[in-house]
Amino acid sequence: MPFKKKTPSPMGRRGPRGRATKAAAKNTTESRLSLRLDELTERIDIVLPEVTARVAALEHLLLELKLCRHDDLRRARQFVREQEA
């Protein structure tokens, strides 16, 4: 009885795997960094309003307990702005 020829299925065949090029490695590194940056940006967007609310609450308590004056808080904010610049 003769053997039947097998026809190769187009889905099952893979080409030979070559080495990754430097450009491909650079692109994957950049994409990983981009994903990481996006994750960090998202975390900051979530945390920043909470931190801002807590600072405002502390300022309110400082004023309410008369531990400092409004001018003191204004000068402190101005000092921080100058340090950031």
N, C-alpha and C. Protein backbone atom coordinates (compact mmCIF):
# COMPACT_ATOMS: atom_id res chain seq x y z
N MET A 1 0.84 -1.16 0.00
CA MET A 1 0.00 0.00 0.00
C MET A 1 0.90 1.24 0.00
N PRO A 2 0.68 2.19 -0.93
CA PRO A 2 1.53 3.37 -1.05
C PRO A 2 1.23 4.38 0.06
N PHE A 3 2.29 5.11 0.46
CA PHE A 3 2.13 6.14 1.47
C PHE A 3 1.51 7.38 0.86
N LYS A 4 0.67 8.05 1.64
CA LYS A 4 0.04 9.28 1.18
C LYS A 4 0.98 10.44 1.47
N LYS A 5 0.98 11.39 0.56
CA LYS A 5 1.77 12.60 0.78
C LYS A 5 1.04 13.50 1.77
N LYS A 6 1.80 14.00 2.72
CA LYS A 6 1.20 14.94 3.66
C LYS A 6 1.33 16.34 3.09
N THR A 7 0.25 17.05 3.11
CA THR A 7 0.31 18.45 2.66
C THR A 7 0.52 19.32 3.89
N PRO A 8 1.53 20.16 3.84
CA PRO A 8 1.80 21.00 5.01
C PRO A 8 0.68 22.02 5.23
N SER A 9 0.26 22.14 6.46
CA SER A 9 -0.77 23.15 6.75
C SER A 9 -0.09 24.50 6.92
N PRO A 10 -0.67 25.55 6.37
CA PRO A 10 -0.03 26.86 6.44
C PRO A 10 0.02 27.41 7.87
N MET A 11 -0.88 27.00 8.74
CA MET A 11 -0.91 27.52 10.09
C MET A 11 0.15 26.86 10.97
N GLY A 12 0.49 25.63 10.71
CA GLY A 12 1.39 24.90 11.57
C GLY A 12 2.86 25.15 11.32
N ARG A 13 3.21 25.71 10.21
CA ARG A 13 4.61 25.92 9.88
C ARG A 13 5.10 27.27 10.39
N ARG A 14 6.25 27.20 11.00
CA ARG A 14 6.88 28.44 11.44
C ARG A 14 8.21 28.57 10.74
N GLY A 15 8.57 29.79 10.50
CA GLY A 15 9.87 30.04 9.88
C GLY A 15 10.96 29.93 10.92
N PRO A 16 12.19 29.88 10.49
CA PRO A 16 13.28 29.78 11.44
C PRO A 16 13.39 31.07 12.26
N ARG A 17 13.70 30.90 13.53
CA ARG A 17 13.82 32.06 14.41
C ARG A 17 15.24 32.59 14.34
N GLY A 18 15.34 33.85 14.07
CA GLY A 18 16.65 34.48 13.99
C GLY A 18 16.94 35.24 15.27
N ARG A 19 18.08 35.82 15.33
CA ARG A 19 18.44 36.64 16.48
C ARG A 19 17.65 37.95 16.46
N ALA A 20 17.39 38.44 17.63
CA ALA A 20 16.73 39.73 17.72
C ALA A 20 17.75 40.82 17.36
N THR A 21 17.31 41.75 16.58
CA THR A 21 18.21 42.82 16.18
C THR A 21 18.30 43.85 17.30
N LYS A 22 19.30 44.69 17.24
CA LYS A 22 19.46 45.72 18.25
C LYS A 22 18.30 46.70 18.22
N ALA A 23 17.78 46.96 17.03
CA ALA A 23 16.65 47.89 16.92
C ALA A 23 15.42 47.30 17.60
N ALA A 24 15.21 46.00 17.43
CA ALA A 24 14.05 45.37 18.06
C ALA A 24 14.20 45.40 19.58
N ALA A 25 15.40 45.13 20.06
CA ALA A 25 15.63 45.17 21.51
C ALA A 25 15.43 46.58 22.04
N LYS A 26 15.88 47.58 21.31
CA LYS A 26 15.72 48.96 21.74
C LYS A 26 14.24 49.32 21.80
N ASN A 27 13.48 48.87 20.79
CA ASN A 27 12.05 49.18 20.77
C ASN A 27 11.33 48.53 21.94
N THR A 28 11.69 47.28 22.29
CA THR A 28 11.03 46.64 23.42
C THR A 28 11.39 47.34 24.72
N THR A 29 12.64 47.78 24.85
CA THR A 29 13.04 48.51 26.06
C THR A 29 12.28 49.82 26.16
N GLU A 30 12.16 50.51 25.05
CA GLU A 30 11.42 51.78 25.05
C GLU A 30 9.95 51.55 25.36
N SER A 31 9.38 50.47 24.84
CA SER A 31 7.97 50.21 25.11
C SER A 31 7.77 49.83 26.57
N ARG A 32 8.73 49.10 27.16
CA ARG A 32 8.62 48.78 28.59
C ARG A 32 8.72 50.04 29.42
N LEU A 33 9.65 50.92 29.06
CA LEU A 33 9.79 52.18 29.79
C LEU A 33 8.53 53.03 29.65
N SER A 34 7.96 53.02 28.47
CA SER A 34 6.75 53.79 28.23
C SER A 34 5.60 53.25 29.07
N LEU A 35 5.48 51.92 29.15
CA LEU A 35 4.43 51.33 29.97
C LEU A 35 4.64 51.66 31.45
N ARG A 36 5.88 51.59 31.89
CA ARG A 36 6.19 51.90 33.28
C ARG A 36 5.87 53.36 33.60
N LEU A 37 6.21 54.25 32.67
CA LEU A 37 5.92 55.66 32.85
C LEU A 37 4.41 55.89 32.92
N ASP A 38 3.66 55.21 32.07
CA ASP A 38 2.20 55.34 32.09
C ASP A 38 1.63 54.86 33.43
N GLU A 39 2.18 53.76 33.97
CA GLU A 39 1.72 53.26 35.26
C GLU A 39 2.00 54.27 36.37
N LEU A 40 3.19 54.83 36.35
CA LEU A 40 3.54 55.81 37.38
C LEU A 40 2.69 57.06 37.28
N THR A 41 2.42 57.50 36.07
CA THR A 41 1.56 58.67 35.86
C THR A 41 0.16 58.41 36.41
N GLU A 42 -0.34 57.21 36.16
CA GLU A 42 -1.67 56.86 36.66
C GLU A 42 -1.70 56.84 38.19
N ARG A 43 -0.65 56.31 38.79
CA ARG A 43 -0.58 56.28 40.26
C ARG A 43 -0.55 57.68 40.84
N ILE A 44 0.24 58.55 40.22
CA ILE A 44 0.33 59.93 40.70
C ILE A 44 -1.02 60.62 40.56
N ASP A 45 -1.71 60.39 39.46
CA ASP A 45 -3.03 61.00 39.27
C ASP A 45 -4.02 60.55 40.33
N ILE A 46 -3.84 59.34 40.85
CA ILE A 46 -4.73 58.83 41.89
C ILE A 46 -4.35 59.40 43.25
N VAL A 47 -3.06 59.49 43.54
CA VAL A 47 -2.59 59.87 44.87
C VAL A 47 -2.61 61.39 45.08
N LEU A 48 -2.34 62.15 44.06
CA LEU A 48 -2.19 63.60 44.21
C LEU A 48 -3.41 64.30 44.83
N PRO A 49 -4.63 64.01 44.40
CA PRO A 49 -5.77 64.67 45.06
C PRO A 49 -5.88 64.34 46.55
N GLU A 50 -5.53 63.10 46.91
CA GLU A 50 -5.57 62.72 48.32
C GLU A 50 -4.56 63.50 49.14
N VAL A 51 -3.35 63.65 48.61
CA VAL A 51 -2.31 64.40 49.31
C VAL A 51 -2.71 65.87 49.43
N THR A 52 -3.26 66.41 48.38
CA THR A 52 -3.70 67.81 48.39
C THR A 52 -4.78 68.03 49.45
N ALA A 53 -5.72 67.11 49.54
CA ALA A 53 -6.79 67.23 50.54
C ALA A 53 -6.23 67.15 51.95
N ARG A 54 -5.24 66.28 52.16
CA ARG A 54 -4.65 66.16 53.50
C ARG A 54 -3.89 67.43 53.90
N VAL A 55 -3.18 68.01 52.96
CA VAL A 55 -2.46 69.26 53.25
C VAL A 55 -3.45 70.37 53.60
N ALA A 56 -4.54 70.43 52.85
CA ALA A 56 -5.55 71.45 53.13
C ALA A 56 -6.16 71.24 54.51
N ALA A 57 -6.39 69.99 54.88
CA ALA A 57 -6.96 69.70 56.20
C ALA A 57 -5.97 70.10 57.31
N LEU A 58 -4.69 69.84 57.10
CA LEU A 58 -3.69 70.24 58.09
C LEU A 58 -3.62 71.75 58.22
N GLU A 59 -3.65 72.45 57.11
CA GLU A 59 -3.63 73.92 57.17
C GLU A 59 -4.85 74.43 57.92
N HIS A 60 -6.00 73.81 57.68
CA HIS A 60 -7.22 74.22 58.37
C HIS A 60 -7.07 74.03 59.88
N LEU A 61 -6.51 72.88 60.28
CA LEU A 61 -6.31 72.63 61.70
C LEU A 61 -5.32 73.61 62.32
N LEU A 62 -4.26 73.91 61.61
CA LEU A 62 -3.28 74.87 62.13
C LEU A 62 -3.92 76.23 62.38
N LEU A 63 -4.78 76.65 61.46
CA LEU A 63 -5.47 77.93 61.63
C LEU A 63 -6.50 77.86 62.74
N GLU A 64 -7.22 76.75 62.80
CA GLU A 64 -8.29 76.61 63.81
C GLU A 64 -7.72 76.56 65.23
N LEU A 65 -6.61 75.87 65.40
CA LEU A 65 -5.99 75.77 66.72
C LEU A 65 -5.10 76.96 67.04
N LYS A 66 -5.05 77.89 66.09
CA LYS A 66 -4.26 79.11 66.23
C LYS A 66 -2.78 78.82 66.50
N LEU A 67 -2.27 77.81 65.79
CA LEU A 67 -0.85 77.50 65.88
C LEU A 67 -0.03 78.33 64.89
N CYS A 68 -0.72 78.88 63.89
CA CYS A 68 -0.07 79.80 62.96
C CYS A 68 -1.14 80.70 62.36
N ARG A 69 -0.66 81.72 61.66
CA ARG A 69 -1.58 82.66 61.03
C ARG A 69 -1.65 82.37 59.53
N HIS A 70 -2.63 82.99 58.91
CA HIS A 70 -2.82 82.81 57.46
C HIS A 70 -1.60 83.31 56.70
N ASP A 71 -1.01 84.39 57.17
CA ASP A 71 0.19 84.94 56.53
C ASP A 71 1.36 83.95 56.59
N ASP A 72 1.45 83.22 57.71
CA ASP A 72 2.52 82.22 57.83
C ASP A 72 2.36 81.13 56.76
N LEU A 73 1.14 80.68 56.55
CA LEU A 73 0.88 79.65 55.54
C LEU A 73 1.19 80.18 54.14
N ARG A 74 0.81 81.44 53.90
CA ARG A 74 1.05 82.04 52.60
C ARG A 74 2.56 82.13 52.32
N ARG A 75 3.32 82.55 53.33
CA ARG A 75 4.77 82.63 53.17
C ARG A 75 5.40 81.25 52.97
N ALA A 76 4.86 80.24 53.66
CA ALA A 76 5.38 78.88 53.50
C ALA A 76 5.14 78.37 52.08
N ARG A 77 3.96 78.65 51.55
CA ARG A 77 3.67 78.24 50.16
C ARG A 77 4.60 78.95 49.18
N GLN A 78 4.82 80.23 49.42
CA GLN A 78 5.72 80.99 48.55
C GLN A 78 7.14 80.43 48.62
N PHE A 79 7.58 80.04 49.80
CA PHE A 79 8.92 79.45 49.96
C PHE A 79 9.04 78.16 49.16
N VAL A 80 8.01 77.34 49.22
CA VAL A 80 8.03 76.07 48.47
C VAL A 80 8.09 76.34 46.97
N ARG A 81 7.32 77.31 46.51
CA ARG A 81 7.33 77.65 45.07
C ARG A 81 8.74 78.09 44.65
N GLU A 82 9.38 78.89 45.49
CA GLU A 82 10.74 79.35 45.16
C GLU A 82 11.73 78.19 45.12
N GLN A 83 11.58 77.23 46.02
CA GLN A 83 12.46 76.08 46.04
C GLN A 83 12.27 75.19 44.82
N GLU A 84 11.06 75.12 44.32
CA GLU A 84 10.76 74.30 43.12
C GLU A 84 11.37 74.90 41.88
N ALA A 85 11.47 76.22 41.84
CA ALA A 85 11.97 76.90 40.64
C ALA A 85 13.46 76.80 40.48
